[in-house]
Amino acid sequence: MLLLTVNTDSMSKFKVTIGSHKTRPFINIYYDKIRYRYWNGESINLKIKCIDNPLLLKSAFELKLREGWKPKVIFNKMGKELISIYLNTISDCKGLHDLIKQNIRCFVNNSEECFK
């Protein structure tokens, strides 16, 4: 018997596995070296819970990823407020060198862009 494996560019960007936490299954997606966890199919517009059928949900995520869907990072309102407070605090620091302030501000702003 001959088995052929086809590995496309899109497949090399992600890996989908089934994990569990305290006997509760979830879907792990590693996409561009970032891990995402899903307990249901809401993000891909499916009414499937991982606890009901983890293998089906895993397959659904794999199919969506092959079709071009990308996982999104959820960054809540509180996180944005913390970034704002942090940036204001940096601006008020008198003893901190301007170049260090600029580097920290750049890092925080880039982090915020990642979470949109």
PDB file of N, CA and C in Angstrom:
ATOM      1  N   MET A   1       0.843  -1.186   0.000  1.00  0.00           N
ATOM      2  CA  MET A   1       0.000   0.000   0.000  1.00  0.00           C
ATOM      3  C   MET A   1       0.883   1.242   0.000  1.00  0.00           C
ATOM      4  N   LEU A   2       0.575   2.196  -0.845  1.00  0.00           N
ATOM      5  CA  LEU A   2       1.343   3.424  -0.982  1.00  0.00           C
ATOM      6  C   LEU A   2       0.566   4.589  -0.388  1.00  0.00           C
ATOM      7  N   LEU A   3       1.177   5.291   0.544  1.00  0.00           N
ATOM      8  CA  LEU A   3       0.554   6.475   1.147  1.00  0.00           C
ATOM      9  C   LEU A   3       1.310   7.715   0.703  1.00  0.00           C
ATOM     10  N   LEU A   4       0.608   8.694   0.233  1.00  0.00           N
ATOM     11  CA  LEU A   4       1.222   9.948  -0.182  1.00  0.00           C
ATOM     12  C   LEU A   4       0.818  11.049   0.788  1.00  0.00           C
ATOM     13  N   THR A   5       1.788  11.819   1.206  1.00  0.00           N
ATOM     14  CA  THR A   5       1.509  12.948   2.082  1.00  0.00           C
ATOM     15  C   THR A   5       1.769  14.224   1.307  1.00  0.00           C
ATOM     16  N   VAL A   6       0.801  15.100   1.280  1.00  0.00           N
ATOM     17  CA  VAL A   6       0.937  16.379   0.599  1.00  0.00           C
ATOM     18  C   VAL A   6       1.033  17.455   1.655  1.00  0.00           C
ATOM     19  N   ASN A   7       2.092  18.234   1.600  1.00  0.00           N
ATOM     20  CA  ASN A   7       2.285  19.303   2.568  1.00  0.00           C
ATOM     21  C   ASN A   7       2.338  20.622   1.811  1.00  0.00           C
ATOM     22  N   THR A   8       1.295  21.413   1.929  1.00  0.00           N
ATOM     23  CA  THR A   8       1.249  22.702   1.245  1.00  0.00           C
ATOM     24  C   THR A   8       1.802  23.787   2.149  1.00  0.00           C
ATOM     25  N   ASP A   9       2.028  24.970   1.599  1.00  0.00           N
ATOM     26  CA  ASP A   9       2.538  26.087   2.387  1.00  0.00           C
ATOM     27  C   ASP A   9       1.610  26.438   3.536  1.00  0.00           C
ATOM     28  N   SER A  10       0.307  26.430   3.286  1.00  0.00           N
ATOM     29  CA  SER A  10      -0.636  26.802   4.339  1.00  0.00           C
ATOM     30  C   SER A  10      -0.628  25.788   5.478  1.00  0.00           C
ATOM     31  N   MET A  11      -0.392  24.512   5.159  1.00  0.00           N
ATOM     32  CA  MET A  11      -0.365  23.490   6.197  1.00  0.00           C
ATOM     33  C   MET A  11       0.858  23.643   7.090  1.00  0.00           C
ATOM     34  N   SER A  12       1.967  24.152   6.559  1.00  0.00           N
ATOM     35  CA  SER A  12       3.172  24.285   7.367  1.00  0.00           C
ATOM     36  C   SER A  12       3.059  25.442   8.360  1.00  0.00           C
ATOM     37  N   LYS A  13       2.079  26.319   8.194  1.00  0.00           N
ATOM     38  CA  LYS A  13       1.891  27.447   9.102  1.00  0.00           C
ATOM     39  C   LYS A  13       1.127  27.068  10.356  1.00  0.00           C
ATOM     40  N   PHE A  14       0.446  25.928  10.358  1.00  0.00           N
ATOM     41  CA  PHE A  14      -0.380  25.582  11.513  1.00  0.00           C
ATOM     42  C   PHE A  14      -0.302  24.110  11.882  1.00  0.00           C
ATOM     43  N   LYS A  15      -0.667  23.853  13.133  1.00  0.00           N
ATOM     44  CA  LYS A  15      -0.791  22.491  13.642  1.00  0.00           C
ATOM     45  C   LYS A  15      -1.985  22.489  14.582  1.00  0.00           C
ATOM     46  N   VAL A  16      -2.867  21.510  14.432  1.00  0.00           N
ATOM     47  CA  VAL A  16      -4.070  21.431  15.255  1.00  0.00           C
ATOM     48  C   VAL A  16      -4.018  20.141  16.067  1.00  0.00           C
ATOM     49  N   THR A  17      -4.204  20.264  17.378  1.00  0.00           N
ATOM     50  CA  THR A  17      -4.212  19.094  18.256  1.00  0.00           C
ATOM     51  C   THR A  17      -5.380  19.190  19.231  1.00  0.00           C
ATOM     52  N   ILE A  18      -5.665  18.079  19.881  1.00  0.00           N
ATOM     53  CA  ILE A  18      -6.682  18.053  20.934  1.00  0.00           C
ATOM     54  C   ILE A  18      -5.950  17.963  22.264  1.00  0.00           C
ATOM     55  N   GLY A  19      -6.219  18.906  23.140  1.00  0.00           N
ATOM     56  CA  GLY A  19      -5.633  18.898  24.466  1.00  0.00           C
ATOM     57  C   GLY A  19      -6.730  18.728  25.499  1.00  0.00           C
ATOM     58  N   SER A  20      -6.334  18.697  26.763  1.00  0.00           N
ATOM     59  CA  SER A  20      -7.356  18.620  27.813  1.00  0.00           C
ATOM     60  C   SER A  20      -6.855  19.312  29.075  1.00  0.00           C
ATOM     61  N   HIS A  21      -7.795  19.838  29.810  1.00  0.00           N
ATOM     62  CA  HIS A  21      -7.515  20.485  31.091  1.00  0.00           C
ATOM     63  C   HIS A  21      -8.563  20.004  32.085  1.00  0.00           C
ATOM     64  N   LYS A  22      -8.103  19.287  33.114  1.00  0.00           N
ATOM     65  CA  LYS A  22      -9.017  18.716  34.107  1.00  0.00           C
ATOM     66  C   LYS A  22     -10.114  17.897  33.431  1.00  0.00           C
ATOM     67  N   THR A  23      -9.722  17.021  32.553  1.00  0.00           N
ATOM     68  CA  THR A  23     -10.592  16.124  31.777  1.00  0.00           C
ATOM     69  C   THR A  23     -11.535  16.846  30.809  1.00  0.00           C
ATOM     70  N   ARG A  24     -11.359  18.129  30.620  1.00  0.00           N
ATOM     71  CA  ARG A  24     -12.181  18.878  29.667  1.00  0.00           C
ATOM     72  C   ARG A  24     -11.364  19.124  28.392  1.00  0.00           C
ATOM     73  N   PRO A  25     -11.792  18.580  27.253  1.00  0.00           N
ATOM     74  CA  PRO A  25     -11.010  18.732  26.023  1.00  0.00           C
ATOM     75  C   PRO A  25     -11.107  20.141  25.431  1.00  0.00           C
ATOM     76  N   PHE A  26     -10.069  20.518  24.711  1.00  0.00           N
ATOM     77  CA  PHE A  26     -10.051  21.774  23.954  1.00  0.00           C
ATOM     78  C   PHE A  26      -9.208  21.563  22.711  1.00  0.00           C
ATOM     79  N   ILE A  27      -9.330  22.497  21.783  1.00  0.00           N
ATOM     80  CA  ILE A  27      -8.560  22.435  20.543  1.00  0.00           C
ATOM     81  C   ILE A  27      -7.383  23.402  20.653  1.00  0.00           C
ATOM     82  N   ASN A  28      -6.196  22.866  20.431  1.00  0.00           N
ATOM     83  CA  ASN A  28      -4.976  23.668  20.378  1.00  0.00           C
ATOM     84  C   ASN A  28      -4.670  23.960  18.924  1.00  0.00           C
ATOM     85  N   ILE A  29      -4.470  25.217  18.600  1.00  0.00           N
ATOM     86  CA  ILE A  29      -4.014  25.572  17.257  1.00  0.00           C
ATOM     87  C   ILE A  29      -2.718  26.330  17.408  1.00  0.00           C
ATOM     88  N   TYR A  30      -1.687  25.828  16.763  1.00  0.00           N
ATOM     89  CA  TYR A  30      -0.411  26.541  16.699  1.00  0.00           C
ATOM     90  C   TYR A  30      -0.358  27.163  15.317  1.00  0.00           C
ATOM     91  N   TYR A  31      -0.440  28.487  15.277  1.00  0.00           N
ATOM     92  CA  TYR A  31      -0.467  29.203  13.996  1.00  0.00           C
ATOM     93  C   TYR A  31       0.644  30.241  14.027  1.00  0.00           C
ATOM     94  N   ASP A  32       1.579  30.132  13.109  1.00  0.00           N
ATOM     95  CA  ASP A  32       2.755  31.016  13.077  1.00  0.00           C
ATOM     96  C   ASP A  32       3.431  31.093  14.441  1.00  0.00           C
ATOM     97  N   LYS A  33       3.618  29.948  15.057  1.00  0.00           N
ATOM     98  CA  LYS A  33       4.326  29.797  16.334  1.00  0.00           C
ATOM     99  C   LYS A  33       3.606  30.413  17.533  1.00  0.00           C
ATOM    100  N   ILE A  34       2.319  30.681  17.395  1.00  0.00           N
ATOM    101  CA  ILE A  34       1.507  31.194  18.507  1.00  0.00           C
ATOM    102  C   ILE A  34       0.419  30.170  18.799  1.00  0.00           C
ATOM    103  N   ARG A  35       0.186  29.903  20.097  1.00  0.00           N
ATOM    104  CA  ARG A  35      -0.826  28.915  20.473  1.00  0.00           C
ATOM    105  C   ARG A  35      -2.160  29.594  20.745  1.00  0.00           C
ATOM    106  N   TYR A  36      -3.210  29.001  20.210  1.00  0.00           N
ATOM    107  CA  TYR A  36      -4.584  29.445  20.445  1.00  0.00           C
ATOM    108  C   TYR A  36      -5.358  28.249  20.986  1.00  0.00           C
ATOM    109  N   ARG A  37      -6.266  28.489  21.933  1.00  0.00           N
ATOM    110  CA  ARG A  37      -7.090  27.414  22.488  1.00  0.00           C
ATOM    111  C   ARG A  37      -8.558  27.728  22.258  1.00  0.00           C
ATOM    112  N   TYR A  38      -9.293  26.696  21.851  1.00  0.00           N
ATOM    113  CA  TYR A  38     -10.723  26.847  21.598  1.00  0.00           C
ATOM    114  C   TYR A  38     -11.489  25.721  22.279  1.00  0.00           C
ATOM    115  N   TRP A  39     -12.589  26.077  22.922  1.00  0.00           N
ATOM    116  CA  TRP A  39     -13.449  25.097  23.578  1.00  0.00           C
ATOM    117  C   TRP A  39     -14.741  24.869  22.782  1.00  0.00           C
ATOM    118  N   ASN A  40     -14.943  25.654  21.731  1.00  0.00           N
ATOM    119  CA  ASN A  40     -16.133  25.476  20.891  1.00  0.00           C
ATOM    120  C   ASN A  40     -15.836  26.039  19.492  1.00  0.00           C
ATOM    121  N   GLY A  41     -16.806  25.926  18.615  1.00  0.00           N
ATOM    122  CA  GLY A  41     -16.614  26.353  17.238  1.00  0.00           C
ATOM    123  C   GLY A  41     -17.176  27.722  16.903  1.00  0.00           C
ATOM    124  N   GLU A  42     -17.469  28.534  17.903  1.00  0.00           N
ATOM    125  CA  GLU A  42     -18.058  29.858  17.644  1.00  0.00           C
ATOM    126  C   GLU A  42     -17.200  30.715  16.716  1.00  0.00           C
ATOM    127  N   SER A  43     -15.893  30.653  16.873  1.00  0.00           N
ATOM    128  CA  SER A  43     -15.023  31.513  16.074  1.00  0.00           C
ATOM    129  C   SER A  43     -15.025  31.156  14.586  1.00  0.00           C
ATOM    130  N   ILE A  44     -15.467  29.945  14.275  1.00  0.00           N
ATOM    131  CA  ILE A  44     -15.572  29.548  12.864  1.00  0.00           C
ATOM    132  C   ILE A  44     -17.043  29.330  12.473  1.00  0.00           C
ATOM    133  N   ASN A  45     -17.935  29.946  13.240  1.00  0.00           N
ATOM    134  CA  ASN A  45     -19.384  29.938  12.982  1.00  0.00           C
ATOM    135  C   ASN A  45     -20.005  28.537  12.983  1.00  0.00           C
ATOM    136  N   LEU A  46     -19.586  27.719  13.940  1.00  0.00           N
ATOM    137  CA  LEU A  46     -20.168  26.393  14.102  1.00  0.00           C
ATOM    138  C   LEU A  46     -20.674  26.224  15.535  1.00  0.00           C
ATOM    139  N   LYS A  47     -21.782  25.541  15.669  1.00  0.00           N
ATOM    140  CA  LYS A  47     -22.344  25.295  17.003  1.00  0.00           C
ATOM    141  C   LYS A  47     -21.929  23.909  17.483  1.00  0.00           C
ATOM    142  N   ILE A  48     -20.621  23.746  17.676  1.00  0.00           N
ATOM    143  CA  ILE A  48     -20.070  22.486  18.160  1.00  0.00           C
ATOM    144  C   ILE A  48     -19.262  22.779  19.411  1.00  0.00           C
ATOM    145  N   LYS A  49     -19.472  21.983  20.450  1.00  0.00           N
ATOM    146  CA  LYS A  49     -18.669  22.105  21.663  1.00  0.00           C
ATOM    147  C   LYS A  49     -17.612  21.003  21.641  1.00  0.00           C
ATOM    148  N   CYS A  50     -16.437  21.354  22.085  1.00  0.00           N
ATOM    149  CA  CYS A  50     -15.346  20.388  22.083  1.00  0.00           C
ATOM    150  C   CYS A  50     -15.648  19.201  22.995  1.00  0.00           C
ATOM    151  N   ILE A  51     -16.332  19.461  24.078  1.00  0.00           N
ATOM    152  CA  ILE A  51     -16.653  18.383  25.017  1.00  0.00           C
ATOM    153  C   ILE A  51     -17.591  17.355  24.377  1.00  0.00           C
ATOM    154  N   ASP A  52     -18.407  17.779  23.402  1.00  0.00           N
ATOM    155  CA  ASP A  52     -19.341  16.876  22.730  1.00  0.00           C
ATOM    156  C   ASP A  52     -18.654  16.006  21.676  1.00  0.00           C
ATOM    157  N   ASN A  53     -17.782  16.623  20.861  1.00  0.00           N
ATOM    158  CA  ASN A  53     -17.118  15.883  19.792  1.00  0.00           C
ATOM    159  C   ASN A  53     -15.794  16.559  19.424  1.00  0.00           C
ATOM    160  N   PRO A  54     -14.731  16.291  20.191  1.00  0.00           N
ATOM    161  CA  PRO A  54     -13.456  16.964  19.943  1.00  0.00           C
ATOM    162  C   PRO A  54     -12.845  16.660  18.577  1.00  0.00           C
ATOM    163  N   LEU A  55     -12.983  15.437  18.111  1.00  0.00           N
ATOM    164  CA  LEU A  55     -12.400  15.076  16.818  1.00  0.00           C
ATOM    165  C   LEU A  55     -13.077  15.815  15.664  1.00  0.00           C
ATOM    166  N   LEU A  56     -14.391  15.955  15.734  1.00  0.00           N
ATOM    167  CA  LEU A  56     -15.129  16.700  14.706  1.00  0.00           C
ATOM    168  C   LEU A  56     -14.730  18.179  14.709  1.00  0.00           C
ATOM    169  N   LEU A  57     -14.613  18.756  15.899  1.00  0.00           N
ATOM    170  CA  LEU A  57     -14.227  20.163  15.991  1.00  0.00           C
ATOM    171  C   LEU A  57     -12.796  20.374  15.499  1.00  0.00           C
ATOM    172  N   LYS A  58     -11.908  19.463  15.830  1.00  0.00           N
ATOM    173  CA  LYS A  58     -10.521  19.545  15.339  1.00  0.00           C
ATOM    174  C   LYS A  58     -10.506  19.533  13.816  1.00  0.00           C
ATOM    175  N   SER A  59     -11.261  18.627  13.225  1.00  0.00           N
ATOM    176  CA  SER A  59     -11.326  18.533  11.760  1.00  0.00           C
ATOM    177  C   SER A  59     -11.919  19.798  11.139  1.00  0.00           C
ATOM    178  N   ALA A  60     -12.916  20.375  11.807  1.00  0.00           N
ATOM    179  CA  ALA A  60     -13.535  21.607  11.299  1.00  0.00           C
ATOM    180  C   ALA A  60     -12.531  22.752  11.309  1.00  0.00           C
ATOM    181  N   PHE A  61     -11.729  22.860  12.382  1.00  0.00           N
ATOM    182  CA  PHE A  61     -10.706  23.901  12.434  1.00  0.00           C
ATOM    183  C   PHE A  61      -9.643  23.683  11.365  1.00  0.00           C
ATOM    184  N   GLU A  62      -9.234  22.443  11.150  1.00  0.00           N
ATOM    185  CA  GLU A  62      -8.248  22.156  10.105  1.00  0.00           C
ATOM    186  C   GLU A  62      -8.774  22.562   8.732  1.00  0.00           C
ATOM    187  N   LEU A  63     -10.028  22.259   8.463  1.00  0.00           N
ATOM    188  CA  LEU A  63     -10.635  22.628   7.188  1.00  0.00           C
ATOM    189  C   LEU A  63     -10.674  24.145   7.019  1.00  0.00           C
ATOM    190  N   LYS A  64     -11.108  24.853   8.057  1.00  0.00           N
ATOM    191  CA  LYS A  64     -11.160  26.322   7.982  1.00  0.00           C
ATOM    192  C   LYS A  64      -9.774  26.910   7.762  1.00  0.00           C
ATOM    193  N   LEU A  65      -8.774  26.377   8.450  1.00  0.00           N
ATOM    194  CA  LEU A  65      -7.403  26.873   8.282  1.00  0.00           C
ATOM    195  C   LEU A  65      -6.911  26.646   6.856  1.00  0.00           C
ATOM    196  N   ARG A  66      -7.241  25.518   6.275  1.00  0.00           N
ATOM    197  CA  ARG A  66      -6.851  25.246   4.884  1.00  0.00           C
ATOM    198  C   ARG A  66      -7.561  26.164   3.907  1.00  0.00           C
ATOM    199  N   GLU A  67      -8.755  26.617   4.300  1.00  0.00           N
ATOM    200  CA  GLU A  67      -9.512  27.548   3.448  1.00  0.00           C
ATOM    201  C   GLU A  67      -9.020  28.990   3.590  1.00  0.00           C
ATOM    202  N   GLY A  68      -8.106  29.246   4.543  1.00  0.00           N
ATOM    203  CA  GLY A  68      -7.550  30.581   4.696  1.00  0.00           C
ATOM    204  C   GLY A  68      -7.945  31.318   5.959  1.00  0.00           C
ATOM    205  N   TRP A  69      -8.775  30.713   6.803  1.00  0.00           N
ATOM    206  CA  TRP A  69      -9.167  31.343   8.069  1.00  0.00           C
ATOM    207  C   TRP A  69      -7.949  31.467   8.964  1.00  0.00           C
ATOM    208  N   LYS A  70      -7.868  32.574   9.721  1.00  0.00           N
ATOM    209  CA  LYS A  70      -6.765  32.791  10.661  1.00  0.00           C
ATOM    210  C   LYS A  70      -7.325  33.048  12.054  1.00  0.00           C
ATOM    211  N   PRO A  71      -6.706  32.466  13.084  1.00  0.00           N
ATOM    212  CA  PRO A  71      -7.156  32.744  14.447  1.00  0.00           C
ATOM    213  C   PRO A  71      -6.892  34.199  14.818  1.00  0.00           C
ATOM    214  N   LYS A  72      -7.797  34.760  15.611  1.00  0.00           N
ATOM    215  CA  LYS A  72      -7.641  36.153  16.043  1.00  0.00           C
ATOM    216  C   LYS A  72      -7.352  36.200  17.532  1.00  0.00           C
ATOM    217  N   VAL A  73      -6.478  37.107  17.903  1.00  0.00           N
ATOM    218  CA  VAL A  73      -6.176  37.311  19.314  1.00  0.00           C
ATOM    219  C   VAL A  73      -7.251  38.219  19.880  1.00  0.00           C
ATOM    220  N   ILE A  74      -7.800  37.817  21.004  1.00  0.00           N
ATOM    221  CA  ILE A  74      -8.817  38.635  21.669  1.00  0.00           C
ATOM    222  C   ILE A  74      -8.128  39.449  22.751  1.00  0.00           C
ATOM    223  N   PHE A  75      -8.218  40.743  22.626  1.00  0.00           N
ATOM    224  CA  PHE A  75      -7.598  41.644  23.590  1.00  0.00           C
ATOM    225  C   PHE A  75      -8.715  42.484  24.180  1.00  0.00           C
ATOM    226  N   ASN A  76      -9.027  42.247  25.422  1.00  0.00           N
ATOM    227  CA  ASN A  76     -10.200  42.883  26.022  1.00  0.00           C
ATOM    228  C   ASN A  76      -9.972  44.360  26.366  1.00  0.00           C
ATOM    229  N   LYS A  77     -11.039  45.025  26.737  1.00  0.00           N
ATOM    230  CA  LYS A  77     -11.028  46.449  27.046  1.00  0.00           C
ATOM    231  C   LYS A  77     -10.064  46.760  28.190  1.00  0.00           C
ATOM    232  N   MET A  78     -10.018  45.878  29.186  1.00  0.00           N
ATOM    233  CA  MET A  78      -9.144  46.104  30.330  1.00  0.00           C
ATOM    234  C   MET A  78      -7.678  46.143  29.896  1.00  0.00           C
ATOM    235  N   GLY A  79      -7.295  45.283  28.960  1.00  0.00           N
ATOM    236  CA  GLY A  79      -5.925  45.265  28.464  1.00  0.00           C
ATOM    237  C   GLY A  79      -5.561  46.577  27.786  1.00  0.00           C
ATOM    238  N   LYS A  80      -6.486  47.133  27.008  1.00  0.00           N
ATOM    239  CA  LYS A  80      -6.225  48.412  26.346  1.00  0.00           C
ATOM    240  C   LYS A  80      -6.089  49.541  27.372  1.00  0.00           C
ATOM    241  N   GLU A  81      -6.913  49.495  28.420  1.00  0.00           N
ATOM    242  CA  GLU A  81      -6.820  50.512  29.464  1.00  0.00           C
ATOM    243  C   GLU A  81      -5.484  50.416  30.199  1.00  0.00           C
ATOM    244  N   LEU A  82      -5.010  49.199  30.443  1.00  0.00           N
ATOM    245  CA  LEU A  82      -3.724  49.026  31.111  1.00  0.00           C
ATOM    246  C   LEU A  82      -2.581  49.583  30.273  1.00  0.00           C
ATOM    247  N   ILE A  83      -2.641  49.365  28.963  1.00  0.00           N
ATOM    248  CA  ILE A  83      -1.608  49.916  28.081  1.00  0.00           C
ATOM    249  C   ILE A  83      -1.626  51.436  28.147  1.00  0.00           C
ATOM    250  N   SER A  84      -2.810  52.037  28.144  1.00  0.00           N
ATOM    251  CA  SER A  84      -2.934  53.487  28.225  1.00  0.00           C
ATOM    252  C   SER A  84      -2.339  54.011  29.537  1.00  0.00           C
ATOM    253  N   ILE A  85      -2.670  53.363  30.644  1.00  0.00           N
ATOM    254  CA  ILE A  85      -2.135  53.771  31.957  1.00  0.00           C
ATOM    255  C   ILE A  85      -0.616  53.630  31.968  1.00  0.00           C
ATOM    256  N   TYR A  86      -0.117  52.537  31.405  1.00  0.00           N
ATOM    257  CA  TYR A  86       1.315  52.278  31.362  1.00  0.00           C
ATOM    258  C   TYR A  86       2.047  53.363  30.563  1.00  0.00           C
ATOM    259  N   LEU A  87       1.496  53.720  29.401  1.00  0.00           N
ATOM    260  CA  LEU A  87       2.124  54.760  28.582  1.00  0.00           C
ATOM    261  C   LEU A  87       2.124  56.107  29.295  1.00  0.00           C
ATOM    262  N   ASN A  88       1.036  56.432  29.988  1.00  0.00           N
ATOM    263  CA  ASN A  88       0.991  57.690  30.744  1.00  0.00           C
ATOM    264  C   ASN A  88       1.994  57.688  31.879  1.00  0.00           C
ATOM    265  N   THR A  89       2.179  56.557  32.533  1.00  0.00           N
ATOM    266  CA  THR A  89       3.140  56.456  33.630  1.00  0.00           C
ATOM    267  C   THR A  89       4.557  56.653  33.117  1.00  0.00           C
ATOM    268  N   ILE A  90       4.867  56.066  31.967  1.00  0.00           N
ATOM    269  CA  ILE A  90       6.203  56.229  31.383  1.00  0.00           C
ATOM    270  C   ILE A  90       6.465  57.692  31.079  1.00  0.00           C
ATOM    271  N   SER A  91       5.469  58.379  30.540  1.00  0.00           N
ATOM    272  CA  SER A  91       5.628  59.796  30.191  1.00  0.00           C
ATOM    273  C   SER A  91       5.914  60.655  31.419  1.00  0.00           C
ATOM    274  N   ASP A  92       5.354  60.262  32.569  1.00  0.00           N
ATOM    275  CA  ASP A  92       5.531  61.044  33.798  1.00  0.00           C
ATOM    276  C   ASP A  92       6.839  60.767  34.522  1.00  0.00           C
ATOM    277  N   CYS A  93       7.574  59.727  34.123  1.00  0.00           N
ATOM    278  CA  CYS A  93       8.836  59.390  34.800  1.00  0.00           C
ATOM    279  C   CYS A  93       9.913  60.407  34.439  1.00  0.00           C
ATOM    280  N   LYS A  94      10.424  61.111  35.436  1.00  0.00           N
ATOM    281  CA  LYS A  94      11.438  62.146  35.195  1.00  0.00           C
ATOM    282  C   LYS A  94      12.836  61.552  35.060  1.00  0.00           C
ATOM    283  N   GLY A  95      13.137  60.509  35.826  1.00  0.00           N
ATOM    284  CA  GLY A  95      14.493  59.964  35.837  1.00  0.00           C
ATOM    285  C   GLY A  95      14.789  58.985  34.722  1.00  0.00           C
ATOM    286  N   LEU A  96      13.805  58.653  33.936  1.00  0.00           N
ATOM    287  CA  LEU A  96      13.984  57.672  32.873  1.00  0.00           C
ATOM    288  C   LEU A  96      14.477  58.355  31.605  1.00  0.00           C
ATOM    289  N   HIS A  97      15.550  57.849  31.039  1.00  0.00           N
ATOM    290  CA  HIS A  97      16.146  58.434  29.843  1.00  0.00           C
ATOM    291  C   HIS A  97      15.139  58.417  28.692  1.00  0.00           C
ATOM    292  N   ASP A  98      15.137  59.487  27.878  1.00  0.00           N
ATOM    293  CA  ASP A  98      14.171  59.622  26.778  1.00  0.00           C
ATOM    294  C   ASP A  98      14.233  58.463  25.785  1.00  0.00           C
ATOM    295  N   LEU A  99      15.438  57.959  25.499  1.00  0.00           N
ATOM    296  CA  LEU A  99      15.579  56.851  24.551  1.00  0.00           C
ATOM    297  C   LEU A  99      14.921  55.586  25.102  1.00  0.00           C
ATOM    298  N   ILE A 100      15.067  55.351  26.399  1.00  0.00           N
ATOM    299  CA  ILE A 100      14.433  54.182  27.024  1.00  0.00           C
ATOM    300  C   ILE A 100      12.916  54.344  26.966  1.00  0.00           C
ATOM    301  N   LYS A 101      12.420  55.556  27.273  1.00  0.00           N
ATOM    302  CA  LYS A 101      10.978  55.811  27.182  1.00  0.00           C
ATOM    303  C   LYS A 101      10.463  55.526  25.775  1.00  0.00           C
ATOM    304  N   GLN A 102      11.226  55.988  24.777  1.00  0.00           N
ATOM    305  CA  GLN A 102      10.827  55.805  23.378  1.00  0.00           C
ATOM    306  C   GLN A 102      10.782  54.319  23.020  1.00  0.00           C
ATOM    307  N   ASN A 103      11.790  53.560  23.462  1.00  0.00           N
ATOM    308  CA  ASN A 103      11.825  52.123  23.173  1.00  0.00           C
ATOM    309  C   ASN A 103      10.665  51.390  23.840  1.00  0.00           C
ATOM    310  N   ILE A 104      10.360  51.736  25.081  1.00  0.00           N
ATOM    311  CA  ILE A 104       9.256  51.103  25.798  1.00  0.00           C
ATOM    312  C   ILE A 104       7.936  51.453  25.116  1.00  0.00           C
ATOM    313  N   ARG A 105       7.765  52.724  24.757  1.00  0.00           N
ATOM    314  CA  ARG A 105       6.540  53.163  24.088  1.00  0.00           C
ATOM    315  C   ARG A 105       6.345  52.413  22.763  1.00  0.00           C
ATOM    316  N   CYS A 106       7.434  52.251  22.008  1.00  0.00           N
ATOM    317  CA  CYS A 106       7.392  51.543  20.729  1.00  0.00           C
ATOM    318  C   CYS A 106       6.992  50.080  20.949  1.00  0.00           C
ATOM    319  N   PHE A 107       7.573  49.438  21.959  1.00  0.00           N
ATOM    320  CA  PHE A 107       7.252  48.049  22.259  1.00  0.00           C
ATOM    321  C   PHE A 107       5.785  47.888  22.641  1.00  0.00           C
ATOM    322  N   VAL A 108       5.292  48.767  23.510  1.00  0.00           N
ATOM    323  CA  VAL A 108       3.905  48.685  23.958  1.00  0.00           C
ATOM    324  C   VAL A 108       2.956  48.950  22.800  1.00  0.00           C
ATOM    325  N   ASN A 109       3.251  49.944  21.976  1.00  0.00           N
ATOM    326  CA  ASN A 109       2.384  50.239  20.828  1.00  0.00           C
ATOM    327  C   ASN A 109       2.354  49.076  19.848  1.00  0.00           C
ATOM    328  N   ASN A 110       3.494  48.446  19.617  1.00  0.00           N
ATOM    329  CA  ASN A 110       3.532  47.278  18.721  1.00  0.00           C
ATOM    330  C   ASN A 110       2.764  46.112  19.315  1.00  0.00           C
ATOM    331  N   SER A 111       2.828  45.961  20.636  1.00  0.00           N
ATOM    332  CA  SER A 111       2.069  44.896  21.298  1.00  0.00           C
ATOM    333  C   SER A 111       0.587  45.124  21.118  1.00  0.00           C
ATOM    334  N   GLU A 112       0.155  46.372  21.214  1.00  0.00           N
ATOM    335  CA  GLU A 112      -1.268  46.697  21.058  1.00  0.00           C
ATOM    336  C   GLU A 112      -1.724  46.372  19.647  1.00  0.00           C
ATOM    337  N   GLU A 113      -0.872  46.640  18.645  1.00  0.00           N
ATOM    338  CA  GLU A 113      -1.224  46.323  17.255  1.00  0.00           C
ATOM    339  C   GLU A 113      -1.431  44.827  17.073  1.00  0.00           C
ATOM    340  N   CYS A 114      -0.635  44.024  17.761  1.00  0.00           N
ATOM    341  CA  CYS A 114      -0.756  42.573  17.641  1.00  0.00           C
ATOM    342  C   CYS A 114      -2.083  42.070  18.190  1.00  0.00           C
ATOM    343  N   PHE A 115      -2.657  42.810  19.145  1.00  0.00           N
ATOM    344  CA  PHE A 115      -3.850  42.340  19.815  1.00  0.00           C
ATOM    345  C   PHE A 115      -5.132  42.898  19.235  1.00  0.00           C
ATOM    346  N   LYS A 116      -5.084  43.573  18.112  1.00  0.00           N
ATOM    347  CA  LYS A 116      -6.301  44.120  17.507  1.00  0.00           C
ATOM    348  C   LYS A 116      -7.008  43.061  16.721  1.00  0.00           C
TER     349      LYS A 116
END
